[in-house]
PDB file of all heavy atoms in Angstrom:
ATOM      1  N   VAL A   1      -0.851  12.298  -8.200  1.00  0.00           N
ATOM      2  CA  VAL A   1      -0.675  10.945  -8.713  1.00  0.00           C
ATOM      3  C   VAL A   1       0.513  10.328  -7.979  1.00  0.00           C
ATOM      4  O   VAL A   1       1.518  10.992  -7.732  1.00  0.00           O
ATOM      5  CB  VAL A   1      -0.457  10.943 -10.240  1.00  0.00           C
ATOM      6  CG1 VAL A   1       0.772  11.744 -10.624  1.00  0.00           C
ATOM      7  CG2 VAL A   1      -0.357   9.531 -10.776  1.00  0.00           C
ATOM      8  N   VAL A   2       0.361   9.046  -7.590  1.00  0.00           N
ATOM      9  CA  VAL A   2       1.373   8.332  -6.805  1.00  0.00           C
ATOM     10  C   VAL A   2       1.839   7.119  -7.607  1.00  0.00           C
ATOM     11  O   VAL A   2       1.017   6.355  -8.133  1.00  0.00           O
ATOM     12  CB  VAL A   2       0.811   7.884  -5.439  1.00  0.00           C
ATOM     13  CG1 VAL A   2       1.882   7.169  -4.628  1.00  0.00           C
ATOM     14  CG2 VAL A   2       0.275   9.078  -4.664  1.00  0.00           C
ATOM     15  N   TYR A   3       3.159   6.947  -7.679  1.00  0.00           N
ATOM     16  CA  TYR A   3       3.768   5.798  -8.353  1.00  0.00           C
ATOM     17  C   TYR A   3       4.396   4.898  -7.284  1.00  0.00           C
ATOM     18  O   TYR A   3       5.275   5.355  -6.543  1.00  0.00           O
ATOM     19  CB  TYR A   3       4.846   6.254  -9.342  1.00  0.00           C
ATOM     20  CG  TYR A   3       4.339   7.146 -10.448  1.00  0.00           C
ATOM     21  CD1 TYR A   3       4.203   8.520 -10.247  1.00  0.00           C
ATOM     22  CD2 TYR A   3       4.001   6.631 -11.687  1.00  0.00           C
ATOM     23  CE1 TYR A   3       3.730   9.348 -11.255  1.00  0.00           C
ATOM     24  CE2 TYR A   3       3.531   7.454 -12.705  1.00  0.00           C
ATOM     25  CZ  TYR A   3       3.409   8.806 -12.482  1.00  0.00           C
ATOM     26  OH  TYR A   3       2.939   9.625 -13.479  1.00  0.00           O
ATOM     27  N   PHE A   4       3.963   3.662  -7.211  1.00  0.00           N
ATOM     28  CA  PHE A   4       4.510   2.743  -6.211  1.00  0.00           C
ATOM     29  C   PHE A   4       4.432   1.314  -6.732  1.00  0.00           C
ATOM     30  O   PHE A   4       3.729   1.015  -7.696  1.00  0.00           O
ATOM     31  CB  PHE A   4       3.755   2.861  -4.884  1.00  0.00           C
ATOM     32  CG  PHE A   4       2.319   2.411  -4.945  1.00  0.00           C
ATOM     33  CD1 PHE A   4       1.964   1.106  -4.637  1.00  0.00           C
ATOM     34  CD2 PHE A   4       1.318   3.293  -5.318  1.00  0.00           C
ATOM     35  CE1 PHE A   4       0.646   0.691  -4.698  1.00  0.00           C
ATOM     36  CE2 PHE A   4       0.004   2.893  -5.385  1.00  0.00           C
ATOM     37  CZ  PHE A   4      -0.347   1.584  -5.072  1.00  0.00           C
ATOM     38  N   ARG A   5       5.187   0.429  -6.062  1.00  0.00           N
ATOM     39  CA  ARG A   5       5.175  -0.985  -6.412  1.00  0.00           C
ATOM     40  C   ARG A   5       5.507  -1.808  -5.179  1.00  0.00           C
ATOM     41  O   ARG A   5       6.094  -1.307  -4.211  1.00  0.00           O
ATOM     42  CB  ARG A   5       6.163  -1.291  -7.530  1.00  0.00           C
ATOM     43  CG  ARG A   5       7.611  -1.048  -7.188  1.00  0.00           C
ATOM     44  CD  ARG A   5       8.504  -1.241  -8.383  1.00  0.00           C
ATOM     45  NE  ARG A   5       9.915  -1.034  -8.064  1.00  0.00           N
ATOM     46  CZ  ARG A   5      10.736  -2.003  -7.659  1.00  0.00           C
ATOM     47  NH1 ARG A   5      10.269  -3.264  -7.549  1.00  0.00           N
ATOM     48  NH2 ARG A   5      11.995  -1.753  -7.377  1.00  0.00           N
ATOM     49  N   VAL A   6       5.169  -3.074  -5.228  1.00  0.00           N
ATOM     50  CA  VAL A   6       5.437  -3.996  -4.124  1.00  0.00           C
ATOM     51  C   VAL A   6       6.844  -4.555  -4.288  1.00  0.00           C
ATOM     52  O   VAL A   6       7.199  -5.075  -5.351  1.00  0.00           O
ATOM     53  CB  VAL A   6       4.407  -5.136  -4.093  1.00  0.00           C
ATOM     54  CG1 VAL A   6       4.757  -6.141  -3.002  1.00  0.00           C
ATOM     55  CG2 VAL A   6       3.009  -4.583  -3.863  1.00  0.00           C
ATOM     56  N   VAL A   7       7.651  -4.440  -3.250  1.00  0.00           N
ATOM     57  CA  VAL A   7       9.009  -4.986  -3.274  1.00  0.00           C
ATOM     58  C   VAL A   7       9.157  -6.190  -2.343  1.00  0.00           C
ATOM     59  O   VAL A   7      10.108  -6.968  -2.490  1.00  0.00           O
ATOM     60  CB  VAL A   7      10.032  -3.895  -2.897  1.00  0.00           C
ATOM     61  CG1 VAL A   7      10.079  -2.806  -3.961  1.00  0.00           C
ATOM     62  CG2 VAL A   7       9.718  -3.276  -1.544  1.00  0.00           C
ATOM     63  N   GLN A   8       8.253  -6.357  -1.392  1.00  0.00           N
ATOM     64  CA  GLN A   8       8.256  -7.506  -0.489  1.00  0.00           C
ATOM     65  C   GLN A   8       6.837  -8.083  -0.436  1.00  0.00           C
ATOM     66  O   GLN A   8       6.008  -7.644   0.362  1.00  0.00           O
ATOM     67  CB  GLN A   8       8.735  -7.098   0.907  1.00  0.00           C
ATOM     68  CG  GLN A   8      10.197  -6.657   0.952  1.00  0.00           C
ATOM     69  CD  GLN A   8      10.623  -6.217   2.337  1.00  0.00           C
ATOM     70  OE1 GLN A   8      10.074  -5.268   2.894  1.00  0.00           O
ATOM     71  NE2 GLN A   8      11.603  -6.904   2.897  1.00  0.00           N
ATOM     72  N   PRO A   9       6.560  -9.066  -1.298  1.00  0.00           N
ATOM     73  CA  PRO A   9       5.178  -9.590  -1.394  1.00  0.00           C
ATOM     74  C   PRO A   9       4.645 -10.145  -0.087  1.00  0.00           C
ATOM     75  O   PRO A   9       3.447 -10.014   0.204  1.00  0.00           O
ATOM     76  CB  PRO A   9       5.303 -10.681  -2.468  1.00  0.00           C
ATOM     77  CG  PRO A   9       6.512 -10.325  -3.258  1.00  0.00           C
ATOM     78  CD  PRO A   9       7.450  -9.694  -2.285  1.00  0.00           C
ATOM     79  N   GLU A  10       5.509 -10.798   0.705  1.00  0.00           N
ATOM     80  CA  GLU A  10       5.005 -11.403   1.946  1.00  0.00           C
ATOM     81  C   GLU A  10       4.492 -10.353   2.914  1.00  0.00           C
ATOM     82  O   GLU A  10       3.469 -10.532   3.577  1.00  0.00           O
ATOM     83  CB  GLU A  10       6.083 -12.270   2.602  1.00  0.00           C
ATOM     84  CG  GLU A  10       7.282 -11.518   3.157  1.00  0.00           C
ATOM     85  CD  GLU A  10       8.313 -11.151   2.118  1.00  0.00           C
ATOM     86  OE1 GLU A  10       8.050 -11.370   0.920  1.00  0.00           O
ATOM     87  OE2 GLU A  10       9.383 -10.641   2.496  1.00  0.00           O
ATOM     88  N   LYS A  11       5.167  -9.186   2.987  1.00  0.00           N
ATOM     89  CA  LYS A  11       4.692  -8.113   3.866  1.00  0.00           C
ATOM     90  C   LYS A  11       3.422  -7.477   3.317  1.00  0.00           C
ATOM     91  O   LYS A  11       2.544  -7.078   4.092  1.00  0.00           O
ATOM     92  CB  LYS A  11       5.782  -7.049   4.025  1.00  0.00           C
ATOM     93  CG  LYS A  11       6.965  -7.495   4.862  1.00  0.00           C
ATOM     94  CD  LYS A  11       7.922  -6.335   5.090  1.00  0.00           C
ATOM     95  CE  LYS A  11       9.083  -6.733   5.986  1.00  0.00           C
ATOM     96  NZ  LYS A  11      10.007  -5.600   6.235  1.00  0.00           N
ATOM     97  N   ALA A  12       3.324  -7.358   1.994  1.00  0.00           N
ATOM     98  CA  ALA A  12       2.129  -6.758   1.400  1.00  0.00           C
ATOM     99  C   ALA A  12       0.885  -7.602   1.667  1.00  0.00           C
ATOM    100  O   ALA A  12      -0.233  -7.089   1.624  1.00  0.00           O
ATOM    101  CB  ALA A  12       2.327  -6.584  -0.104  1.00  0.00           C
ATOM    102  N   VAL A  13       1.063  -8.891   1.952  1.00  0.00           N
ATOM    103  CA  VAL A  13      -0.076  -9.773   2.251  1.00  0.00           C
ATOM    104  C   VAL A  13      -0.333  -9.866   3.748  1.00  0.00           C
ATOM    105  O   VAL A  13      -1.476  -9.823   4.203  1.00  0.00           O
ATOM    106  CB  VAL A  13       0.167 -11.175   1.655  1.00  0.00           C
ATOM    107  CG1 VAL A  13      -0.942 -12.132   2.072  1.00  0.00           C
ATOM    108  CG2 VAL A  13       0.256 -11.101   0.140  1.00  0.00           C
ATOM    109  N   ILE A  14       0.752  -9.958   4.539  1.00  0.00           N
ATOM    110  CA  ILE A  14       0.601 -10.225   5.974  1.00  0.00           C
ATOM    111  C   ILE A  14       0.382  -8.947   6.778  1.00  0.00           C
ATOM    112  O   ILE A  14      -0.469  -8.904   7.678  1.00  0.00           O
ATOM    113  CB  ILE A  14       1.854 -10.967   6.499  1.00  0.00           C
ATOM    114  CG1 ILE A  14       1.980 -12.325   5.811  1.00  0.00           C
ATOM    115  CG2 ILE A  14       1.786 -11.147   8.005  1.00  0.00           C
ATOM    116  CD1 ILE A  14       3.246 -13.072   6.163  1.00  0.00           C
ATOM    117  N   GLN A  15       1.118  -7.887   6.454  1.00  0.00           N
ATOM    118  CA  GLN A  15       1.115  -6.690   7.294  1.00  0.00           C
ATOM    119  C   GLN A  15      -0.075  -5.766   7.064  1.00  0.00           C
ATOM    120  O   GLN A  15      -0.386  -4.945   7.919  1.00  0.00           O
ATOM    121  CB  GLN A  15       2.414  -5.897   7.070  1.00  0.00           C
ATOM    122  CG  GLN A  15       3.677  -6.667   7.417  1.00  0.00           C
ATOM    123  CD  GLN A  15       3.752  -7.030   8.888  1.00  0.00           C
ATOM    124  OE1 GLN A  15       3.190  -6.348   9.749  1.00  0.00           O
ATOM    125  NE2 GLN A  15       4.451  -8.115   9.187  1.00  0.00           N
ATOM    126  N   VAL A  16      -0.735  -5.861   5.927  1.00  0.00           N
ATOM    127  CA  VAL A  16      -1.857  -4.969   5.628  1.00  0.00           C
ATOM    128  C   VAL A  16      -2.925  -5.773   4.882  1.00  0.00           C
ATOM    129  O   VAL A  16      -2.612  -6.701   4.132  1.00  0.00           O
ATOM    130  CB  VAL A  16      -1.368  -3.759   4.796  1.00  0.00           C
ATOM    131  CG1 VAL A  16      -0.838  -4.200   3.445  1.00  0.00           C
ATOM    132  CG2 VAL A  16      -2.451  -2.714   4.637  1.00  0.00           C
ATOM    133  N   GLU A  17      -4.177  -5.405   5.125  1.00  0.00           N
ATOM    134  CA  GLU A  17      -5.266  -6.161   4.510  1.00  0.00           C
ATOM    135  C   GLU A  17      -5.318  -5.955   3.003  1.00  0.00           C
ATOM    136  O   GLU A  17      -5.463  -6.908   2.237  1.00  0.00           O
ATOM    137  CB  GLU A  17      -6.601  -5.731   5.137  1.00  0.00           C
ATOM    138  CG  GLU A  17      -7.799  -6.487   4.576  1.00  0.00           C
ATOM    139  CD  GLU A  17      -9.104  -6.080   5.235  1.00  0.00           C
ATOM    140  OE1 GLU A  17      -9.067  -5.195   6.116  1.00  0.00           O
ATOM    141  OE2 GLU A  17     -10.153  -6.641   4.869  1.00  0.00           O
ATOM    142  N   ASN A  18      -5.229  -4.698   2.558  1.00  0.00           N
ATOM    143  CA  ASN A  18      -5.247  -4.383   1.130  1.00  0.00           C
ATOM    144  C   ASN A  18      -4.272  -3.234   0.915  1.00  0.00           C
ATOM    145  O   ASN A  18      -4.564  -2.087   1.259  1.00  0.00           O
ATOM    146  CB  ASN A  18      -6.658  -4.005   0.672  1.00  0.00           C
ATOM    147  CG  ASN A  18      -6.767  -3.886  -0.832  1.00  0.00           C
ATOM    148  OD1 ASN A  18      -5.843  -3.430  -1.499  1.00  0.00           O
ATOM    149  ND2 ASN A  18      -7.903  -4.290  -1.384  1.00  0.00           N
ATOM    150  N   HIS A  19      -3.111  -3.541   0.348  1.00  0.00           N
ATOM    151  CA  HIS A  19      -2.075  -2.520   0.235  1.00  0.00           C
ATOM    152  C   HIS A  19      -2.457  -1.415  -0.740  1.00  0.00           C
ATOM    153  O   HIS A  19      -2.010  -0.275  -0.600  1.00  0.00           O
ATOM    154  CB  HIS A  19      -0.740  -3.159  -0.186  1.00  0.00           C
ATOM    155  CG  HIS A  19      -0.737  -3.707  -1.574  1.00  0.00           C
ATOM    156  ND1 HIS A  19      -1.258  -4.942  -1.895  1.00  0.00           N
ATOM    157  CD2 HIS A  19      -0.270  -3.180  -2.745  1.00  0.00           C
ATOM    158  CE1 HIS A  19      -1.103  -5.161  -3.183  1.00  0.00           C
ATOM    159  NE2 HIS A  19      -0.517  -4.111  -3.733  1.00  0.00           N
ATOM    160  N   LEU A  20      -3.314  -1.701  -1.734  1.00  0.00           N
ATOM    161  CA  LEU A  20      -3.742  -0.667  -2.673  1.00  0.00           C
ATOM    162  C   LEU A  20      -4.629   0.371  -1.990  1.00  0.00           C
ATOM    163  O   LEU A  20      -4.418   1.578  -2.114  1.00  0.00           O
ATOM    164  CB  LEU A  20      -4.477  -1.310  -3.850  1.00  0.00           C
ATOM    165  CG  LEU A  20      -3.643  -2.223  -4.751  1.00  0.00           C
ATOM    166  CD1 LEU A  20      -4.536  -2.879  -5.801  1.00  0.00           C
ATOM    167  CD2 LEU A  20      -2.517  -1.457  -5.420  1.00  0.00           C
ATOM    168  N   VAL A  21      -5.630  -0.110  -1.243  1.00  0.00           N
ATOM    169  CA  VAL A  21      -6.538   0.796  -0.531  1.00  0.00           C
ATOM    170  C   VAL A  21      -5.785   1.558   0.553  1.00  0.00           C
ATOM    171  O   VAL A  21      -5.982   2.767   0.741  1.00  0.00           O
ATOM    172  CB  VAL A  21      -7.720   0.020   0.056  1.00  0.00           C
ATOM    173  CG1 VAL A  21      -8.612   0.932   0.884  1.00  0.00           C
ATOM    174  CG2 VAL A  21      -8.538  -0.639  -1.049  1.00  0.00           C
ATOM    175  N   ALA A  22      -4.903   0.854   1.264  1.00  0.00           N
ATOM    176  CA  ALA A  22      -4.162   1.507   2.344  1.00  0.00           C
ATOM    177  C   ALA A  22      -3.255   2.613   1.800  1.00  0.00           C
ATOM    178  O   ALA A  22      -3.183   3.708   2.370  1.00  0.00           O
ATOM    179  CB  ALA A  22      -3.341   0.465   3.100  1.00  0.00           C
ATOM    180  N   THR A  23      -2.585   2.356   0.701  1.00  0.00           N
ATOM    181  CA  THR A  23      -1.711   3.375   0.111  1.00  0.00           C
ATOM    182  C   THR A  23      -2.522   4.556  -0.396  1.00  0.00           C
ATOM    183  O   THR A  23      -2.112   5.717  -0.271  1.00  0.00           O
ATOM    184  CB  THR A  23      -0.885   2.772  -1.032  1.00  0.00           C
ATOM    185  OG1 THR A  23      -0.150   1.642  -0.544  1.00  0.00           O
ATOM    186  CG2 THR A  23       0.083   3.784  -1.600  1.00  0.00           C
ATOM    187  N   SER A  24      -3.691   4.292  -0.962  1.00  0.00           N
ATOM    188  CA  SER A  24      -4.542   5.374  -1.452  1.00  0.00           C
ATOM    189  C   SER A  24      -5.013   6.268  -0.313  1.00  0.00           C
ATOM    190  O   SER A  24      -4.945   7.506  -0.410  1.00  0.00           O
ATOM    191  CB  SER A  24      -5.745   4.781  -2.200  1.00  0.00           C
ATOM    192  OG  SER A  24      -6.639   5.800  -2.590  1.00  0.00           O
ATOM    193  N   GLN A  25      -5.489   5.674   0.765  1.00  0.00           N
ATOM    194  CA  GLN A  25      -5.966   6.470   1.902  1.00  0.00           C
ATOM    195  C   GLN A  25      -4.830   7.250   2.554  1.00  0.00           C
ATOM    196  O   GLN A  25      -4.994   8.416   2.932  1.00  0.00           O
ATOM    197  CB  GLN A  25      -6.630   5.552   2.934  1.00  0.00           C
ATOM    198  CG  GLN A  25      -7.897   4.881   2.448  1.00  0.00           C
ATOM    199  CD  GLN A  25      -8.981   5.888   2.106  1.00  0.00           C
ATOM    200  OE1 GLN A  25      -9.177   6.882   2.824  1.00  0.00           O
ATOM    201  NE2 GLN A  25      -9.695   5.656   1.023  1.00  0.00           N
ATOM    202  N   LEU A  26      -3.665   6.622   2.666  1.00  0.00           N
ATOM    203  CA  LEU A  26      -2.518   7.307   3.242  1.00  0.00           C
ATOM    204  C   LEU A  26      -2.093   8.485   2.365  1.00  0.00           C
ATOM    205  O   LEU A  26      -1.737   9.556   2.871  1.00  0.00           O
ATOM    206  CB  LEU A  26      -1.359   6.328   3.413  1.00  0.00           C
ATOM    207  CG  LEU A  26      -0.054   6.904   3.950  1.00  0.00           C
ATOM    208  CD1 LEU A  26      -0.245   7.462   5.351  1.00  0.00           C
ATOM    209  CD2 LEU A  26       1.044   5.847   3.955  1.00  0.00           C
ATOM    210  N   SER A  27      -2.147   8.326   1.059  1.00  0.00           N
ATOM    211  CA  SER A  27      -1.777   9.413   0.145  1.00  0.00           C
ATOM    212  C   SER A  27      -2.730  10.594   0.284  1.00  0.00           C
ATOM    213  O   SER A  27      -2.295  11.754   0.255  1.00  0.00           O
ATOM    214  CB  SER A  27      -1.784   8.898  -1.301  1.00  0.00           C
ATOM    215  OG  SER A  27      -0.881   7.816  -1.461  1.00  0.00           O
ATOM    216  N   GLN A  28      -4.018  10.324   0.437  1.00  0.00           N
ATOM    217  CA  GLN A  28      -4.988  11.414   0.569  1.00  0.00           C
ATOM    218  C   GLN A  28      -4.764  12.211   1.853  1.00  0.00           C
ATOM    219  O   GLN A  28      -4.751  13.451   1.833  1.00  0.00           O
ATOM    220  CB  GLN A  28      -6.403  10.841   0.545  1.00  0.00           C
ATOM    221  CG  GLN A  28      -6.783  10.198  -0.772  1.00  0.00           C
ATOM    222  CD  GLN A  28      -8.183   9.610  -0.750  1.00  0.00           C
ATOM    223  OE1 GLN A  28      -9.104  10.165  -0.138  1.00  0.00           O
ATOM    224  NE2 GLN A  28      -8.367   8.480  -1.408  1.00  0.00           N
ATOM    225  N   THR A  29      -4.592  11.505   2.966  1.00  0.00           N
ATOM    226  CA  THR A  29      -4.396  12.212   4.241  1.00  0.00           C
ATOM    227  C   THR A  29      -3.059  12.966   4.260  1.00  0.00           C
ATOM    228  O   THR A  29      -2.980  14.087   4.774  1.00  0.00           O
ATOM    229  CB  THR A  29      -4.445  11.216   5.406  1.00  0.00           C
ATOM    230  OG1 THR A  29      -3.484  10.164   5.187  1.00  0.00           O
ATOM    231  CG2 THR A  29      -5.821  10.589   5.512  1.00  0.00           C
ATOM    232  N   THR A  30      -2.016  12.371   3.689  1.00  0.00           N
ATOM    233  CA  THR A  30      -0.713  13.039   3.645  1.00  0.00           C
ATOM    234  C   THR A  30      -0.769  14.283   2.757  1.00  0.00           C
ATOM    235  O   THR A  30      -0.161  15.307   3.061  1.00  0.00           O
ATOM    236  CB  THR A  30       0.368  12.079   3.148  1.00  0.00           C
ATOM    237  OG1 THR A  30       0.378  10.900   3.956  1.00  0.00           O
ATOM    238  CG2 THR A  30       1.735  12.727   3.198  1.00  0.00           C
TER     239      THR A  30
END
């Protein structure tokens, strides 16, 4: 289980398409 939150909203929108999906996939591979 991973606990996370957005601290910079502008980066969460501009730098990644979907930060929830990206964090989930990164957690699985890690």
